[in-house]
Full PDB file with SEQRES, HELIX, SHEET, SSBOND, CRYST1, ORIGX, SCALE, CONECT and MASTER records, all heavy atoms in Angstrom:
SEQRES   1 A   32  LEU ASP ASP LYS HIS LEU ARG ALA TYR ILE SER VAL TYR          
SEQRES   2 A   32  VAL GLU SER SER ASP GLY HIS ARG TYR SER ALA PHE VAL          
SEQRES   3 A   32  ILE THR LEU VAL GLN PHE                                      
SHEET    1 AA1 2 ARG A   7  SER A  16  0                                        
SHEET    2 AA1 2 TYR A  22  GLN A  31 -1                                        
CRYST1    1.000    1.000    1.000  90.00  90.00  90.00 P 1           1          
ORIGX1      1.000000  0.000000  0.000000        0.00000                         
ORIGX2      0.000000  1.000000  0.000000        0.00000                         
ORIGX3      0.000000  0.000000  1.000000        0.00000                         
SCALE1      1.000000  0.000000  0.000000        0.00000                         
SCALE2      0.000000  1.000000  0.000000        0.00000                         
SCALE3      0.000000  0.000000  1.000000        0.00000                         
ATOM      1  N   LEU A   1      59.807 115.951  45.444  1.00  0.00           N  
ATOM      2  CA  LEU A   1      58.928 116.858  44.734  1.00  0.00           C  
ATOM      3  C   LEU A   1      59.342 118.275  45.064  1.00  0.00           C  
ATOM      4  O   LEU A   1      59.319 118.664  46.253  1.00  0.00           O  
ATOM      5  CB  LEU A   1      57.470 116.645  45.170  1.00  0.00           C  
ATOM      6  CG  LEU A   1      56.897 115.262  44.946  1.00  0.00           C  
ATOM      7  CD1 LEU A   1      57.174 114.336  46.094  1.00  0.00           C  
ATOM      8  CD2 LEU A   1      55.431 115.352  44.692  1.00  0.00           C  
ATOM      9  N   ASP A   2      59.751 119.040  44.086  1.00  0.00           N  
ATOM     10  CA  ASP A   2      60.214 120.419  44.299  1.00  0.00           C  
ATOM     11  C   ASP A   2      59.210 121.410  43.742  1.00  0.00           C  
ATOM     12  O   ASP A   2      58.695 121.238  42.652  1.00  0.00           O  
ATOM     13  CB  ASP A   2      61.540 120.648  43.598  1.00  0.00           C  
ATOM     14  CG  ASP A   2      62.709 120.124  44.373  1.00  0.00           C  
ATOM     15  OD1 ASP A   2      62.821 120.481  45.582  1.00  0.00           O  
ATOM     16  OD2 ASP A   2      63.512 119.359  43.822  1.00  0.00           O  
ATOM     17  N   ASP A   3      58.939 122.395  44.534  1.00  0.00           N  
ATOM     18  CA  ASP A   3      58.146 123.550  44.099  1.00  0.00           C  
ATOM     19  C   ASP A   3      58.845 124.760  44.638  1.00  0.00           C  
ATOM     20  O   ASP A   3      59.750 124.667  45.450  1.00  0.00           O  
ATOM     21  CB  ASP A   3      56.700 123.446  44.645  1.00  0.00           C  
ATOM     22  CG  ASP A   3      55.687 124.142  43.722  1.00  0.00           C  
ATOM     23  OD1 ASP A   3      56.094 125.034  42.948  1.00  0.00           O  
ATOM     24  OD2 ASP A   3      54.507 123.810  43.792  1.00  0.00           O  
ATOM     25  N   LYS A   4      58.398 125.936  44.228  1.00  0.00           N  
ATOM     26  CA  LYS A   4      59.115 127.158  44.673  1.00  0.00           C  
ATOM     27  C   LYS A   4      58.908 127.423  46.135  1.00  0.00           C  
ATOM     28  O   LYS A   4      59.712 128.092  46.750  1.00  0.00           O  
ATOM     29  CB  LYS A   4      58.749 128.354  43.834  1.00  0.00           C  
ATOM     30  CG  LYS A   4      57.318 128.823  43.962  1.00  0.00           C  
ATOM     31  CD  LYS A   4      57.073 130.021  43.058  1.00  0.00           C  
ATOM     32  CE  LYS A   4      55.684 130.553  43.181  1.00  0.00           C  
ATOM     33  NZ  LYS A   4      55.458 131.669  42.286  1.00  0.00           N  
ATOM     34  N   HIS A   5      57.887 126.877  46.758  1.00  0.00           N  
ATOM     35  CA  HIS A   5      57.566 127.121  48.158  1.00  0.00           C  
ATOM     36  C   HIS A   5      58.056 126.056  49.130  1.00  0.00           C  
ATOM     37  O   HIS A   5      58.207 126.319  50.302  1.00  0.00           O  
ATOM     38  CB  HIS A   5      56.082 127.405  48.325  1.00  0.00           C  
ATOM     39  CG  HIS A   5      55.222 126.210  48.040  1.00  0.00           C  
ATOM     40  ND1 HIS A   5      55.178 125.568  46.841  1.00  0.00           N  
ATOM     41  CD2 HIS A   5      54.360 125.560  48.832  1.00  0.00           C  
ATOM     42  CE1 HIS A   5      54.356 124.567  46.868  1.00  0.00           C  
ATOM     43  NE2 HIS A   5      53.833 124.545  48.086  1.00  0.00           N  
ATOM     44  N   LEU A   6      58.230 124.821  48.630  1.00  0.00           N  
ATOM     45  CA  LEU A   6      58.693 123.753  49.511  1.00  0.00           C  
ATOM     46  C   LEU A   6      59.300 122.602  48.737  1.00  0.00           C  
ATOM     47  O   LEU A   6      59.137 122.526  47.524  1.00  0.00           O  
ATOM     48  CB  LEU A   6      57.572 123.238  50.423  1.00  0.00           C  
ATOM     49  CG  LEU A   6      56.308 122.672  49.803  1.00  0.00           C  
ATOM     50  CD1 LEU A   6      56.446 121.253  49.254  1.00  0.00           C  
ATOM     51  CD2 LEU A   6      55.201 122.655  50.874  1.00  0.00           C  
ATOM     52  N   ARG A   7      59.985 121.777  49.434  1.00  0.00           N  
ATOM     53  CA  ARG A   7      60.529 120.514  48.875  1.00  0.00           C  
ATOM     54  C   ARG A   7      59.946 119.408  49.759  1.00  0.00           C  
ATOM     55  O   ARG A   7      60.052 119.483  50.967  1.00  0.00           O  
ATOM     56  CB  ARG A   7      62.054 120.472  48.922  1.00  0.00           C  
ATOM     57  CG  ARG A   7      62.610 119.100  48.514  1.00  0.00           C  
ATOM     58  CD  ARG A   7      64.130 119.144  48.453  1.00  0.00           C  
ATOM     59  NE  ARG A   7      64.483 119.926  47.271  1.00  0.00           N  
ATOM     60  CZ  ARG A   7      65.558 120.655  47.174  1.00  0.00           C  
ATOM     61  NH1 ARG A   7      66.418 120.732  48.187  1.00  0.00           N  
ATOM     62  NH2 ARG A   7      65.842 121.341  46.100  1.00  0.00           N  
ATOM     63  N   ALA A   8      59.396 118.395  49.113  1.00  0.00           N  
ATOM     64  CA  ALA A   8      58.821 117.282  49.864  1.00  0.00           C  
ATOM     65  C   ALA A   8      59.465 115.993  49.408  1.00  0.00           C  
ATOM     66  O   ALA A   8      59.808 115.831  48.219  1.00  0.00           O  
ATOM     67  CB  ALA A   8      57.303 117.209  49.670  1.00  0.00           C  
ATOM     68  N   TYR A   9      59.643 115.073  50.337  1.00  0.00           N  
ATOM     69  CA  TYR A   9      60.125 113.722  50.057  1.00  0.00           C  
ATOM     70  C   TYR A   9      59.040 112.766  50.485  1.00  0.00           C  
ATOM     71  O   TYR A   9      58.511 112.862  51.596  1.00  0.00           O  
ATOM     72  CB  TYR A   9      61.410 113.448  50.856  1.00  0.00           C  
ATOM     73  CG  TYR A   9      62.549 114.315  50.487  1.00  0.00           C  
ATOM     74  CD1 TYR A   9      62.813 115.474  51.192  1.00  0.00           C  
ATOM     75  CD2 TYR A   9      63.396 113.991  49.402  1.00  0.00           C  
ATOM     76  CE1 TYR A   9      63.875 116.299  50.864  1.00  0.00           C  
ATOM     77  CE2 TYR A   9      64.464 114.810  49.079  1.00  0.00           C  
ATOM     78  CZ  TYR A   9      64.700 115.965  49.821  1.00  0.00           C  
ATOM     79  OH  TYR A   9      65.772 116.758  49.469  1.00  0.00           O  
ATOM     80  N   ILE A  10      58.734 111.842  49.577  1.00  0.00           N  
ATOM     81  CA  ILE A  10      57.769 110.790  49.900  1.00  0.00           C  
ATOM     82  C   ILE A  10      58.485 109.482  49.651  1.00  0.00           C  
ATOM     83  O   ILE A  10      59.046 109.260  48.579  1.00  0.00           O  
ATOM     84  CB  ILE A  10      56.526 110.910  49.009  1.00  0.00           C  
ATOM     85  CG1 ILE A  10      55.826 112.245  49.284  1.00  0.00           C  
ATOM     86  CG2 ILE A  10      55.547 109.733  49.309  1.00  0.00           C  
ATOM     87  CD1 ILE A  10      54.757 112.584  48.277  1.00  0.00           C  
ATOM     88  N   SER A  11      58.513 108.642  50.657  1.00  0.00           N  
ATOM     89  CA  SER A  11      59.218 107.396  50.568  1.00  0.00           C  
ATOM     90  C   SER A  11      58.316 106.212  50.928  1.00  0.00           C  
ATOM     91  O   SER A  11      57.430 106.320  51.759  1.00  0.00           O  
ATOM     92  CB  SER A  11      60.394 107.441  51.570  1.00  0.00           C  
ATOM     93  OG  SER A  11      60.952 106.138  51.723  1.00  0.00           O  
ATOM     94  N   VAL A  12      58.568 105.095  50.263  1.00  0.00           N  
ATOM     95  CA  VAL A  12      57.967 103.837  50.648  1.00  0.00           C  
ATOM     96  C   VAL A  12      59.140 102.901  50.972  1.00  0.00           C  
ATOM     97  O   VAL A  12      60.080 102.746  50.204  1.00  0.00           O  
ATOM     98  CB  VAL A  12      57.069 103.241  49.587  1.00  0.00           C  
ATOM     99  CG1 VAL A  12      56.629 101.845  49.976  1.00  0.00           C  
ATOM    100  CG2 VAL A  12      55.850 104.133  49.330  1.00  0.00           C  
ATOM    101  N   TYR A  13      59.066 102.317  52.160  1.00  0.00           N  
ATOM    102  CA  TYR A  13      60.089 101.440  52.704  1.00  0.00           C  
ATOM    103  C   TYR A  13      59.383 100.125  53.078  1.00  0.00           C  
ATOM    104  O   TYR A  13      58.364 100.165  53.765  1.00  0.00           O  
ATOM    105  CB  TYR A  13      60.690 102.120  53.916  1.00  0.00           C  
ATOM    106  CG  TYR A  13      61.691 101.270  54.701  1.00  0.00           C  
ATOM    107  CD1 TYR A  13      63.042 101.338  54.390  1.00  0.00           C  
ATOM    108  CD2 TYR A  13      61.280 100.479  55.743  1.00  0.00           C  
ATOM    109  CE1 TYR A  13      63.973 100.610  55.125  1.00  0.00           C  
ATOM    110  CE2 TYR A  13      62.216  99.756  56.466  1.00  0.00           C  
ATOM    111  CZ  TYR A  13      63.551  99.805  56.148  1.00  0.00           C  
ATOM    112  OH  TYR A  13      64.453  99.088  56.859  1.00  0.00           O  
ATOM    113  N   VAL A  14      59.899  99.009  52.617  1.00  0.00           N  
ATOM    114  CA  VAL A  14      59.233  97.707  52.851  1.00  0.00           C  
ATOM    115  C   VAL A  14      60.196  96.749  53.496  1.00  0.00           C  
ATOM    116  O   VAL A  14      61.304  96.504  52.997  1.00  0.00           O  
ATOM    117  CB  VAL A  14      58.693  97.107  51.528  1.00  0.00           C  
ATOM    118  CG1 VAL A  14      58.031  95.765  51.777  1.00  0.00           C  
ATOM    119  CG2 VAL A  14      57.702  98.060  50.849  1.00  0.00           C  
ATOM    120  N   GLU A  15      59.787  96.209  54.631  1.00  0.00           N  
ATOM    121  CA  GLU A  15      60.525  95.110  55.323  1.00  0.00           C  
ATOM    122  C   GLU A  15      59.721  93.838  55.164  1.00  0.00           C  
ATOM    123  O   GLU A  15      58.510  93.838  55.260  1.00  0.00           O  
ATOM    124  CB  GLU A  15      60.685  95.450  56.807  1.00  0.00           C  
ATOM    125  CG  GLU A  15      61.461  96.652  57.141  1.00  0.00           C  
ATOM    126  CD  GLU A  15      61.459  96.932  58.621  1.00  0.00           C  
ATOM    127  OE1 GLU A  15      60.534  96.507  59.342  1.00  0.00           O  
ATOM    128  OE2 GLU A  15      62.389  97.618  59.082  1.00  0.00           O  
ATOM    129  N   SER A  16      60.443  92.732  54.990  1.00  0.00           N  
ATOM    130  CA  SER A  16      59.789  91.415  54.958  1.00  0.00           C  
ATOM    131  C   SER A  16      60.465  90.503  55.981  1.00  0.00           C  
ATOM    132  O   SER A  16      61.700  90.418  56.007  1.00  0.00           O  
ATOM    133  CB  SER A  16      59.915  90.823  53.559  1.00  0.00           C  
ATOM    134  OG  SER A  16      59.363  89.524  53.565  1.00  0.00           O  
ATOM    135  N   SER A  17      59.676  89.877  56.816  1.00  0.00           N  
ATOM    136  CA  SER A  17      60.257  89.014  57.854  1.00  0.00           C  
ATOM    137  C   SER A  17      60.453  87.577  57.362  1.00  0.00           C  
ATOM    138  O   SER A  17      61.403  86.931  57.752  1.00  0.00           O  
ATOM    139  CB  SER A  17      59.401  89.047  59.102  1.00  0.00           C  
ATOM    140  OG  SER A  17      58.089  88.586  58.792  1.00  0.00           O  
ATOM    141  N   ASP A  18      59.608  87.088  56.507  1.00  0.00           N  
ATOM    142  CA  ASP A  18      59.768  85.705  56.040  1.00  0.00           C  
ATOM    143  C   ASP A  18      59.412  85.522  54.586  1.00  0.00           C  
ATOM    144  O   ASP A  18      59.177  84.393  54.135  1.00  0.00           O  
ATOM    145  CB  ASP A  18      58.926  84.770  56.936  1.00  0.00           C  
ATOM    146  CG  ASP A  18      57.438  85.000  56.774  1.00  0.00           C  
ATOM    147  OD1 ASP A  18      57.026  85.858  55.962  1.00  0.00           O  
ATOM    148  OD2 ASP A  18      56.679  84.343  57.497  1.00  0.00           O  
ATOM    149  N   GLY A  19      59.330  86.591  53.842  1.00  0.00           N  
ATOM    150  CA  GLY A  19      58.973  86.493  52.455  1.00  0.00           C  
ATOM    151  C   GLY A  19      57.471  86.572  52.179  1.00  0.00           C  
ATOM    152  O   GLY A  19      57.051  86.717  51.046  1.00  0.00           O  
ATOM    153  N   HIS A  20      56.673  86.462  53.241  1.00  0.00           N  
ATOM    154  CA  HIS A  20      55.231  86.579  53.080  1.00  0.00           C  
ATOM    155  C   HIS A  20      54.594  87.597  54.031  1.00  0.00           C  
ATOM    156  O   HIS A  20      53.476  88.039  53.787  1.00  0.00           O  
ATOM    157  CB  HIS A  20      54.551  85.194  53.296  1.00  0.00           C  
ATOM    158  CG  HIS A  20      55.001  84.170  52.347  1.00  0.00           C  
ATOM    159  ND1 HIS A  20      54.683  84.170  51.008  1.00  0.00           N  
ATOM    160  CD2 HIS A  20      55.804  83.075  52.545  1.00  0.00           C  
ATOM    161  CE1 HIS A  20      55.236  83.127  50.420  1.00  0.00           C  
ATOM    162  NE2 HIS A  20      55.936  82.461  51.318  1.00  0.00           N  
ATOM    163  N   ARG A  21      55.282  87.962  55.079  1.00  0.00           N  
ATOM    164  CA  ARG A  21      54.799  88.932  56.032  1.00  0.00           C  
ATOM    165  C   ARG A  21      55.583  90.230  55.801  1.00  0.00           C  
ATOM    166  O   ARG A  21      56.799  90.228  55.807  1.00  0.00           O  
ATOM    167  CB  ARG A  21      54.983  88.449  57.447  1.00  0.00           C  
ATOM    168  CG  ARG A  21      54.185  87.195  57.775  1.00  0.00           C  
ATOM    169  CD  ARG A  21      54.541  86.649  59.140  1.00  0.00           C  
ATOM    170  NE  ARG A  21      54.286  87.660  60.145  1.00  0.00           N  
ATOM    171  CZ  ARG A  21      53.271  87.676  60.981  1.00  0.00           C  
ATOM    172  NH1 ARG A  21      52.449  86.676  60.987  1.00  0.00           N  
ATOM    173  NH2 ARG A  21      53.109  88.650  61.850  1.00  0.00           N  
ATOM    174  N   TYR A  22      54.826  91.325  55.634  1.00  0.00           N  
ATOM    175  CA  TYR A  22      55.448  92.594  55.271  1.00  0.00           C  
ATOM    176  C   TYR A  22      55.051  93.717  56.248  1.00  0.00           C  
ATOM    177  O   TYR A  22      53.931  93.708  56.776  1.00  0.00           O  
ATOM    178  CB  TYR A  22      54.994  93.049  53.882  1.00  0.00           C  
ATOM    179  CG  TYR A  22      55.507  92.111  52.787  1.00  0.00           C  
ATOM    180  CD1 TYR A  22      54.743  91.027  52.350  1.00  0.00           C  
ATOM    181  CD2 TYR A  22      56.728  92.351  52.178  1.00  0.00           C  
ATOM    182  CE1 TYR A  22      55.181  90.215  51.354  1.00  0.00           C  
ATOM    183  CE2 TYR A  22      57.189  91.515  51.167  1.00  0.00           C  
ATOM    184  CZ  TYR A  22      56.427  90.448  50.766  1.00  0.00           C  
ATOM    185  OH  TYR A  22      56.886  89.629  49.778  1.00  0.00           O  
ATOM    186  N   SER A  23      55.989  94.623  56.442  1.00  0.00           N  
ATOM    187  CA  SER A  23      55.699  95.886  57.105  1.00  0.00           C  
ATOM    188  C   SER A  23      56.081  96.957  56.067  1.00  0.00           C  
ATOM    189  O   SER A  23      57.259  97.069  55.701  1.00  0.00           O  
ATOM    190  CB  SER A  23      56.565  96.057  58.347  1.00  0.00           C  
ATOM    191  OG  SER A  23      56.188  95.158  59.323  1.00  0.00           O  
ATOM    192  N   ALA A  24      55.076  97.669  55.585  1.00  0.00           N  
ATOM    193  CA  ALA A  24      55.327  98.731  54.588  1.00  0.00           C  
ATOM    194  C   ALA A  24      55.135 100.085  55.253  1.00  0.00           C  
ATOM    195  O   ALA A  24      54.187 100.278  56.011  1.00  0.00           O  
ATOM    196  CB  ALA A  24      54.385  98.577  53.409  1.00  0.00           C  
ATOM    197  N   PHE A  25      56.068 100.996  55.000  1.00  0.00           N  
ATOM    198  CA  PHE A  25      56.044 102.325  55.596  1.00  0.00           C  
ATOM    199  C   PHE A  25      55.913 103.352  54.516  1.00  0.00           C  
ATOM    200  O   PHE A  25      56.520 103.261  53.453  1.00  0.00           O  
ATOM    201  CB  PHE A  25      57.364 102.639  56.327  1.00  0.00           C  
ATOM    202  CG  PHE A  25      57.642 101.732  57.500  1.00  0.00           C  
ATOM    203  CD1 PHE A  25      58.137 100.449  57.269  1.00  0.00           C  
ATOM    204  CD2 PHE A  25      57.435 102.155  58.781  1.00  0.00           C  
ATOM    205  CE1 PHE A  25      58.406  99.597  58.354  1.00  0.00           C  
ATOM    206  CE2 PHE A  25      57.706 101.319  59.860  1.00  0.00           C  
ATOM    207  CZ  PHE A  25      58.183 100.030  59.634  1.00  0.00           C  
ATOM    208  N   VAL A  26      55.069 104.388  54.729  1.00  0.00           N  
ATOM    209  CA  VAL A  26      55.038 105.586  53.894  1.00  0.00           C  
ATOM    210  C   VAL A  26      55.550 106.712  54.755  1.00  0.00           C  
ATOM    211  O   VAL A  26      55.042 106.951  55.873  1.00  0.00           O  
ATOM    212  CB  VAL A  26      53.589 105.902  53.383  1.00  0.00           C  
ATOM    213  CG1 VAL A  26      53.594 107.252  52.678  1.00  0.00           C  
ATOM    214  CG2 VAL A  26      53.123 104.803  52.447  1.00  0.00           C  
ATOM    215  N   ILE A  27      56.586 107.394  54.278  1.00  0.00           N  
ATOM    216  CA  ILE A  27      57.272 108.409  55.017  1.00  0.00           C  
ATOM    217  C   ILE A  27      57.193 109.725  54.249  1.00  0.00           C  
ATOM    218  O   ILE A  27      57.404 109.757  53.059  1.00  0.00           O  
ATOM    219  CB  ILE A  27      58.752 108.033  55.221  1.00  0.00           C  
ATOM    220  CG1 ILE A  27      58.861 106.666  55.913  1.00  0.00           C  
ATOM    221  CG2 ILE A  27      59.506 109.133  56.001  1.00  0.00           C  
ATOM    222  CD1 ILE A  27      60.226 106.020  55.772  1.00  0.00           C  
ATOM    223  N   THR A  28      56.863 110.800  54.943  1.00  0.00           N  
ATOM    224  CA  THR A  28      56.799 112.141  54.358  1.00  0.00           C  
ATOM    225  C   THR A  28      57.729 113.062  55.103  1.00  0.00           C  
ATOM    226  O   THR A  28      57.725 113.086  56.337  1.00  0.00           O  
ATOM    227  CB  THR A  28      55.374 112.722  54.439  1.00  0.00           C  
ATOM    228  OG1 THR A  28      54.455 111.803  53.822  1.00  0.00           O  
ATOM    229  CG2 THR A  28      55.264 114.074  53.761  1.00  0.00           C  
ATOM    230  N   LEU A  29      58.537 113.808  54.376  1.00  0.00           N  
ATOM    231  CA  LEU A  29      59.382 114.868  54.972  1.00  0.00           C  
ATOM    232  C   LEU A  29      59.179 116.122  54.144  1.00  0.00           C  
ATOM    233  O   LEU A  29      59.042 116.054  52.922  1.00  0.00           O  
ATOM    234  CB  LEU A  29      60.870 114.489  54.895  1.00  0.00           C  
ATOM    235  CG  LEU A  29      61.320 113.378  55.808  1.00  0.00           C  
ATOM    236  CD1 LEU A  29      61.270 112.056  55.082  1.00  0.00           C  
ATOM    237  CD2 LEU A  29      62.696 113.639  56.317  1.00  0.00           C  
ATOM    238  N   VAL A  30      59.128 117.265  54.794  1.00  0.00           N  
ATOM    239  CA  VAL A  30      58.866 118.538  54.113  1.00  0.00           C  
ATOM    240  C   VAL A  30      59.897 119.552  54.597  1.00  0.00           C  
ATOM    241  O   VAL A  30      60.132 119.716  55.798  1.00  0.00           O  
ATOM    242  CB  VAL A  30      57.450 119.061  54.376  1.00  0.00           C  
ATOM    243  CG1 VAL A  30      57.193 120.378  53.615  1.00  0.00           C  
ATOM    244  CG2 VAL A  30      56.421 118.008  53.977  1.00  0.00           C  
ATOM    245  N   GLN A  31      60.491 120.285  53.623  1.00  0.00           N  
ATOM    246  CA  GLN A  31      61.374 121.428  53.913  1.00  0.00           C  
ATOM    247  C   GLN A  31      60.696 122.653  53.312  1.00  0.00           C  
ATOM    248  O   GLN A  31      60.397 122.696  52.122  1.00  0.00           O  
ATOM    249  CB  GLN A  31      62.718 121.213  53.251  1.00  0.00           C  
ATOM    250  CG  GLN A  31      63.458 119.977  53.743  1.00  0.00           C  
ATOM    251  CD  GLN A  31      64.655 119.642  52.877  1.00  0.00           C  
ATOM    252  OE1 GLN A  31      64.800 120.106  51.748  1.00  0.00           O  
ATOM    253  NE2 GLN A  31      65.524 118.794  53.395  1.00  0.00           N  
ATOM    254  N   PHE A  32      60.454 123.654  54.142  1.00  0.00           N  
ATOM    255  CA  PHE A  32      59.845 124.890  53.639  1.00  0.00           C  
ATOM    256  C   PHE A  32      60.922 125.787  53.093  1.00  0.00           C  
ATOM    257  O   PHE A  32      61.954 125.994  53.736  1.00  0.00           O  
ATOM    258  CB  PHE A  32      59.090 125.616  54.780  1.00  0.00           C  
ATOM    259  CG  PHE A  32      58.081 124.760  55.487  1.00  0.00           C  
ATOM    260  CD1 PHE A  32      58.104 124.608  56.856  1.00  0.00           C  
ATOM    261  CD2 PHE A  32      57.105 124.063  54.751  1.00  0.00           C  
ATOM    262  CE1 PHE A  32      57.174 123.808  57.507  1.00  0.00           C  
ATOM    263  CE2 PHE A  32      56.173 123.269  55.391  1.00  0.00           C  
ATOM    264  CZ  PHE A  32      56.217 123.137  56.753  1.00  0.00           C  
TER     265      PHE A  32                                                      
MASTER        0    0    0    0    2    0    0    6  264    1    0    3          
END                                                                             
């Protein structure tokens, strides 16, 4: 997401251990 004051990254990362158990991550990074 770009704006004139900052750039932000929003990510969703999903790991599955056996096809039924999940670890989902939401990651935010910001550059001013």
